[in-house]
PDB file of N, CA and C in Angstrom:
ATOM      1  N   UNK A   1      -2.781 -21.172 -40.442  1.00  0.00           N
ATOM      2  CA  UNK A   1      -1.693 -20.666 -39.658  1.00  0.00           C
ATOM      3  C   UNK A   1      -0.386 -20.727 -40.456  1.00  0.00           C
ATOM      4  N   UNK A   2      -0.247 -21.704 -41.311  1.00  0.00           N
ATOM      5  CA  UNK A   2       0.988 -21.800 -42.092  1.00  0.00           C
ATOM      6  C   UNK A   2       1.162 -20.607 -43.012  1.00  0.00           C
ATOM      7  N   UNK A   3       0.069 -20.139 -43.563  1.00  0.00           N
ATOM      8  CA  UNK A   3       0.179 -18.997 -44.472  1.00  0.00           C
ATOM      9  C   UNK A   3       0.584 -17.738 -43.719  1.00  0.00           C
ATOM     10  N   UNK A   4       0.007 -17.553 -42.549  1.00  0.00           N
ATOM     11  CA  UNK A   4       0.363 -16.375 -41.745  1.00  0.00           C
ATOM     12  C   UNK A   4       1.825 -16.436 -41.319  1.00  0.00           C
ATOM     13  N   UNK A   5       2.284 -17.612 -40.930  1.00  0.00           N
ATOM     14  CA  UNK A   5       3.689 -17.765 -40.541  1.00  0.00           C
ATOM     15  C   UNK A   5       4.616 -17.537 -41.721  1.00  0.00           C
ATOM     16  N   UNK A   6       4.214 -18.015 -42.872  1.00  0.00           N
ATOM     17  CA  UNK A   6       5.022 -17.811 -44.060  1.00  0.00           C
ATOM     18  C   UNK A   6       5.073 -16.328 -44.415  1.00  0.00           C
ATOM     19  N   UNK A   7       3.977 -15.609 -44.186  1.00  0.00           N
ATOM     20  CA  UNK A   7       3.925 -14.190 -44.485  1.00  0.00           C
ATOM     21  C   UNK A   7       4.934 -13.404 -43.642  1.00  0.00           C
ATOM     22  N   UNK A   8       5.051 -13.749 -42.371  1.00  0.00           N
ATOM     23  CA  UNK A   8       5.985 -13.037 -41.498  1.00  0.00           C
ATOM     24  C   UNK A   8       7.330 -13.750 -41.384  1.00  0.00           C
ATOM     25  N   UNK A   9       7.505 -14.796 -42.203  1.00  0.00           N
ATOM     26  CA  UNK A   9       8.748 -15.574 -42.268  1.00  0.00           C
ATOM     27  C   UNK A   9       9.137 -16.125 -40.902  1.00  0.00           C
ATOM     28  N   UNK A  10       8.193 -16.830 -40.320  1.00  0.00           N
ATOM     29  CA  UNK A  10       8.415 -17.446 -39.028  1.00  0.00           C
ATOM     30  C   UNK A  10       8.039 -18.916 -39.116  1.00  0.00           C
ATOM     31  N   UNK A  11       8.791 -19.760 -38.452  1.00  0.00           N
ATOM     32  CA  UNK A  11       8.525 -21.181 -38.484  1.00  0.00           C
ATOM     33  C   UNK A  11       7.206 -21.472 -37.762  1.00  0.00           C
ATOM     34  N   UNK A  12       6.354 -22.281 -38.355  1.00  0.00           N
ATOM     35  CA  UNK A  12       5.042 -22.543 -37.752  1.00  0.00           C
ATOM     36  C   UNK A  12       5.139 -23.396 -36.497  1.00  0.00           C
ATOM     37  N   UNK A  13       6.223 -24.138 -36.318  1.00  0.00           N
ATOM     38  CA  UNK A  13       6.354 -24.961 -35.114  1.00  0.00           C
ATOM     39  C   UNK A  13       6.556 -24.105 -33.870  1.00  0.00           C
ATOM     40  N   UNK A  14       6.980 -22.855 -34.027  1.00  0.00           N
ATOM     41  CA  UNK A  14       7.166 -21.993 -32.859  1.00  0.00           C
ATOM     42  C   UNK A  14       5.840 -21.476 -32.319  1.00  0.00           C
ATOM     43  N   UNK A  15       4.775 -21.602 -33.085  1.00  0.00           N
ATOM     44  CA  UNK A  15       3.491 -21.053 -32.667  1.00  0.00           C
ATOM     45  C   UNK A  15       2.627 -22.053 -31.906  1.00  0.00           C
ATOM     46  N   UNK A  16       3.029 -23.282 -31.834  1.00  0.00           N
ATOM     47  CA  UNK A  16       2.189 -24.309 -31.215  1.00  0.00           C
ATOM     48  C   UNK A  16       2.539 -24.588 -29.766  1.00  0.00           C
ATOM     49  N   UNK A  17       3.636 -24.060 -29.260  1.00  0.00           N
ATOM     50  CA  UNK A  17       4.074 -24.370 -27.909  1.00  0.00           C
ATOM     51  C   UNK A  17       3.312 -23.534 -26.891  1.00  0.00           C
ATOM     52  N   UNK A  18       2.740 -24.192 -25.909  1.00  0.00           N
ATOM     53  CA  UNK A  18       2.135 -23.499 -24.778  1.00  0.00           C
ATOM     54  C   UNK A  18       2.735 -24.072 -23.505  1.00  0.00           C
ATOM     55  N   UNK A  19       3.214 -23.210 -22.651  1.00  0.00           N
ATOM     56  CA  UNK A  19       3.879 -23.639 -21.428  1.00  0.00           C
ATOM     57  C   UNK A  19       2.841 -24.107 -20.413  1.00  0.00           C
ATOM     58  N   UNK A  20       3.104 -25.262 -19.821  1.00  0.00           N
ATOM     59  CA  UNK A  20       2.240 -25.769 -18.771  1.00  0.00           C
ATOM     60  C   UNK A  20       2.838 -25.376 -17.429  1.00  0.00           C
ATOM     61  N   UNK A  21       2.059 -24.691 -16.610  1.00  0.00           N
ATOM     62  CA  UNK A  21       2.533 -24.241 -15.306  1.00  0.00           C
ATOM     63  C   UNK A  21       2.361 -25.377 -14.306  1.00  0.00           C
ATOM     64  N   UNK A  22       3.440 -25.773 -13.619  1.00  0.00           N
ATOM     65  CA  UNK A  22       3.310 -26.835 -12.615  1.00  0.00           C
ATOM     66  C   UNK A  22       2.358 -26.428 -11.505  1.00  0.00           C
ATOM     67  N   UNK A  23       1.734 -27.404 -10.885  1.00  0.00           N
ATOM     68  CA  UNK A  23       0.721 -27.133  -9.866  1.00  0.00           C
ATOM     69  C   UNK A  23       1.300 -26.468  -8.629  1.00  0.00           C
ATOM     70  N   UNK A  24       2.568 -26.737  -8.314  1.00  0.00           N
ATOM     71  CA  UNK A  24       3.148 -26.174  -7.103  1.00  0.00           C
ATOM     72  C   UNK A  24       3.782 -24.802  -7.302  1.00  0.00           C
ATOM     73  N   UNK A  25       3.810 -24.307  -8.521  1.00  0.00           N
ATOM     74  CA  UNK A  25       4.479 -23.034  -8.787  1.00  0.00           C
ATOM     75  C   UNK A  25       3.830 -21.837  -8.090  1.00  0.00           C
ATOM     76  N   UNK A  26       2.504 -21.691  -8.065  1.00  0.00           N
ATOM     77  CA  UNK A  26       1.925 -20.549  -7.336  1.00  0.00           C
ATOM     78  C   UNK A  26       2.240 -20.579  -5.841  1.00  0.00           C
ATOM     79  N   UNK A  27       2.318 -21.766  -5.270  1.00  0.00           N
ATOM     80  CA  UNK A  27       2.641 -21.882  -3.843  1.00  0.00           C
ATOM     81  C   UNK A  27       4.090 -21.454  -3.606  1.00  0.00           C
ATOM     82  N   UNK A  28       4.993 -21.905  -4.470  1.00  0.00           N
ATOM     83  CA  UNK A  28       6.403 -21.547  -4.331  1.00  0.00           C
ATOM     84  C   UNK A  28       6.588 -20.047  -4.542  1.00  0.00           C
ATOM     85  N   UNK A  29       5.913 -19.480  -5.516  1.00  0.00           N
ATOM     86  CA  UNK A  29       6.020 -18.044  -5.763  1.00  0.00           C
ATOM     87  C   UNK A  29       5.523 -17.236  -4.576  1.00  0.00           C
ATOM     88  N   UNK A  30       4.418 -17.650  -3.989  1.00  0.00           N
ATOM     89  CA  UNK A  30       3.884 -16.930  -2.831  1.00  0.00           C
ATOM     90  C   UNK A  30       4.863 -16.990  -1.667  1.00  0.00           C
ATOM     91  N   UNK A  31       5.441 -18.163  -1.432  1.00  0.00           N
ATOM     92  CA  UNK A  31       6.399 -18.301  -0.339  1.00  0.00           C
ATOM     93  C   UNK A  31       7.678 -17.519  -0.630  1.00  0.00           C
ATOM     94  N   UNK A  32       8.107 -17.505  -1.892  1.00  0.00           N
ATOM     95  CA  UNK A  32       9.277 -16.704  -2.269  1.00  0.00           C
ATOM     96  C   UNK A  32       9.031 -15.224  -2.006  1.00  0.00           C
ATOM     97  N   UNK A  33       7.866 -14.742  -2.372  1.00  0.00           N
ATOM     98  CA  UNK A  33       7.548 -13.326  -2.152  1.00  0.00           C
ATOM     99  C   UNK A  33       7.529 -12.992  -0.672  1.00  0.00           C
ATOM    100  N   UNK A  34       7.021 -13.917   0.137  1.00  0.00           N
ATOM    101  CA  UNK A  34       7.004 -13.685   1.579  1.00  0.00           C
ATOM    102  C   UNK A  34       8.428 -13.622   2.137  1.00  0.00           C
ATOM    103  N   UNK A  35       9.283 -14.536   1.688  1.00  0.00           N
ATOM    104  CA  UNK A  35      10.663 -14.544   2.164  1.00  0.00           C
ATOM    105  C   UNK A  35      11.433 -13.312   1.694  1.00  0.00           C
ATOM    106  N   UNK A  36      11.201 -12.894   0.458  1.00  0.00           N
ATOM    107  CA  UNK A  36      11.883 -11.708  -0.058  1.00  0.00           C
ATOM    108  C   UNK A  36      11.387 -10.454   0.652  1.00  0.00           C
ATOM    109  N   UNK A  37      10.114 -10.430   0.998  1.00  0.00           N
ATOM    110  CA  UNK A  37       9.596  -9.294   1.760  1.00  0.00           C
ATOM    111  C   UNK A  37      10.210  -9.214   3.147  1.00  0.00           C
ATOM    112  N   UNK A  38      10.464 -10.354   3.739  1.00  0.00           N
ATOM    113  CA  UNK A  38      11.049 -10.401   5.075  1.00  0.00           C
ATOM    114  C   UNK A  38      12.564 -10.173   5.033  1.00  0.00           C
ATOM    115  N   UNK A  39      13.223 -10.682   3.991  1.00  0.00           N
ATOM    116  CA  UNK A  39      14.678 -10.576   3.841  1.00  0.00           C
ATOM    117  C   UNK A  39      15.003 -10.000   2.459  1.00  0.00           C
ATOM    118  N   UNK A  40      14.862  -8.697   2.260  1.00  0.00           N
ATOM    119  CA  UNK A  40      15.040  -8.138   0.914  1.00  0.00           C
ATOM    120  C   UNK A  40      16.470  -8.208   0.375  1.00  0.00           C
ATOM    121  N   UNK A  41      17.443  -8.392   1.228  1.00  0.00           N
ATOM    122  CA  UNK A  41      18.830  -8.431   0.756  1.00  0.00           C
ATOM    123  C   UNK A  41      19.283  -9.825   0.352  1.00  0.00           C
ATOM    124  N   UNK A  42      18.485 -10.833   0.612  1.00  0.00           N
ATOM    125  CA  UNK A  42      18.863 -12.204   0.261  1.00  0.00           C
ATOM    126  C   UNK A  42      18.765 -12.390  -1.245  1.00  0.00           C
ATOM    127  N   UNK A  43      19.700 -13.103  -1.801  1.00  0.00           N
ATOM    128  CA  UNK A  43      19.692 -13.416  -3.214  1.00  0.00           C
ATOM    129  C   UNK A  43      18.954 -14.722  -3.473  1.00  0.00           C
ATOM    130  N   UNK A  44      18.969 -15.138  -4.720  1.00  0.00           N
ATOM    131  CA  UNK A  44      18.220 -16.338  -5.083  1.00  0.00           C
ATOM    132  C   UNK A  44      18.822 -17.583  -4.465  1.00  0.00           C
ATOM    133  N   UNK A  45      20.123 -17.586  -4.195  1.00  0.00           N
ATOM    134  CA  UNK A  45      20.739 -18.771  -3.595  1.00  0.00           C
ATOM    135  C   UNK A  45      20.269 -18.984  -2.167  1.00  0.00           C
ATOM    136  N   UNK A  46      20.238 -17.917  -1.399  1.00  0.00           N
ATOM    137  CA  UNK A  46      19.807 -18.066  -0.010  1.00  0.00           C
ATOM    138  C   UNK A  46      18.305 -18.311   0.078  1.00  0.00           C
ATOM    139  N   UNK A  47      17.529 -17.690  -0.802  1.00  0.00           N
ATOM    140  CA  UNK A  47      16.086 -17.950  -0.834  1.00  0.00           C
ATOM    141  C   UNK A  47      15.848 -19.420  -1.172  1.00  0.00           C
ATOM    142  N   UNK A  48      16.630 -19.962  -2.090  1.00  0.00           N
ATOM    143  CA  UNK A  48      16.510 -21.387  -2.422  1.00  0.00           C
ATOM    144  C   UNK A  48      16.826 -22.252  -1.213  1.00  0.00           C
ATOM    145  N   UNK A  49      17.851 -21.892  -0.471  1.00  0.00           N
ATOM    146  CA  UNK A  49      18.207 -22.669   0.717  1.00  0.00           C
ATOM    147  C   UNK A  49      17.081 -22.641   1.750  1.00  0.00           C
ATOM    148  N   UNK A  50      16.471 -21.489   1.924  1.00  0.00           N
ATOM    149  CA  UNK A  50      15.353 -21.389   2.878  1.00  0.00           C
ATOM    150  C   UNK A  50      14.151 -22.214   2.411  1.00  0.00           C
ATOM    151  N   UNK A  51      13.878 -22.174   1.108  1.00  0.00           N
ATOM    152  CA  UNK A  51      12.761 -22.957   0.577  1.00  0.00           C
ATOM    153  C   UNK A  51      13.023 -24.455   0.719  1.00  0.00           C
ATOM    154  N   UNK A  52      14.257 -24.878   0.480  1.00  0.00           N
ATOM    155  CA  UNK A  52      14.584 -26.300   0.611  1.00  0.00           C
ATOM    156  C   UNK A  52      14.486 -26.750   2.058  1.00  0.00           C
ATOM    157  N   UNK A  53      14.838 -25.884   2.997  1.00  0.00           N
ATOM    158  CA  UNK A  53      14.671 -26.219   4.416  1.00  0.00           C
ATOM    159  C   UNK A  53      13.208 -26.406   4.781  1.00  0.00           C
ATOM    160  N   UNK A  54      12.335 -25.669   4.089  1.00  0.00           N
ATOM    161  CA  UNK A  54      10.898 -25.782   4.350  1.00  0.00           C
ATOM    162  C   UNK A  54      10.274 -26.968   3.624  1.00  0.00           C
ATOM    163  N   UNK A  55      11.057 -27.656   2.802  1.00  0.00           N
ATOM    164  CA  UNK A  55      10.563 -28.865   2.157  1.00  0.00           C
ATOM    165  C   UNK A  55      10.147 -28.729   0.702  1.00  0.00           C
ATOM    166  N   UNK A  56      10.399 -27.587   0.095  1.00  0.00           N
ATOM    167  CA  UNK A  56      10.056 -27.410  -1.315  1.00  0.00           C
ATOM    168  C   UNK A  56      11.160 -28.019  -2.184  1.00  0.00           C
ATOM    169  N   UNK A  57      10.823 -28.893  -3.127  1.00  0.00           N
ATOM    170  CA  UNK A  57      11.842 -29.487  -4.004  1.00  0.00           C
ATOM    171  C   UNK A  57      12.155 -28.564  -5.183  1.00  0.00           C
ATOM    172  N   UNK A  58      13.014 -27.575  -4.957  1.00  0.00           N
ATOM    173  CA  UNK A  58      13.310 -26.596  -6.000  1.00  0.00           C
ATOM    174  C   UNK A  58      14.777 -26.659  -6.367  1.00  0.00           C
ATOM    175  N   UNK A  59      15.060 -26.401  -7.632  1.00  0.00           N
ATOM    176  CA  UNK A  59      16.433 -26.383  -8.109  1.00  0.00           C
ATOM    177  C   UNK A  59      16.902 -24.933  -8.235  1.00  0.00           C
ATOM    178  N   UNK A  60      18.190 -24.791  -8.391  1.00  0.00           N
ATOM    179  CA  UNK A  60      18.790 -23.451  -8.535  1.00  0.00           C
ATOM    180  C   UNK A  60      18.254 -22.732  -9.763  1.00  0.00           C
ATOM    181  N   UNK A  61      18.145 -23.471 -10.876  1.00  0.00           N
ATOM    182  CA  UNK A  61      17.684 -22.860 -12.118  1.00  0.00           C
ATOM    183  C   UNK A  61      16.224 -22.417 -12.026  1.00  0.00           C
ATOM    184  N   UNK A  62      15.423 -23.207 -11.346  1.00  0.00           N
ATOM    185  CA  UNK A  62      14.003 -22.866 -11.230  1.00  0.00           C
ATOM    186  C   UNK A  62      13.805 -21.611 -10.404  1.00  0.00           C
ATOM    187  N   UNK A  63      14.524 -21.494  -9.294  1.00  0.00           N
ATOM    188  CA  UNK A  63      14.415 -20.304  -8.453  1.00  0.00           C
ATOM    189  C   UNK A  63      14.898 -19.083  -9.210  1.00  0.00           C
ATOM    190  N   UNK A  64      15.979 -19.200  -9.950  1.00  0.00           N
ATOM    191  CA  UNK A  64      16.497 -18.084 -10.729  1.00  0.00           C
ATOM    192  C   UNK A  64      15.480 -17.644 -11.777  1.00  0.00           C
ATOM    193  N   UNK A  65      14.812 -18.614 -12.418  1.00  0.00           N
ATOM    194  CA  UNK A  65      13.815 -18.285 -13.442  1.00  0.00           C
ATOM    195  C   UNK A  65      12.600 -17.593 -12.832  1.00  0.00           C
ATOM    196  N   UNK A  66      12.167 -18.071 -11.682  1.00  0.00           N
ATOM    197  CA  UNK A  66      10.986 -17.489 -11.043  1.00  0.00           C
ATOM    198  C   UNK A  66      11.308 -16.121 -10.474  1.00  0.00           C
TER     199      UNK A  66
END
């Protein structure tokens, strides 16, 4: 892998990272989609407030990313 990275002039440490998906993310995404389908004009801030009322421990940055 080092030779291939050197060929394309890319750092080899960038090729080893794999993102681990948290276990609760599919549940939060499904609930977000349901809320957005019901309230299409709501932004990420209000969707976050609704999710927090339902008991999901989500931050502003996480909702924005999702």
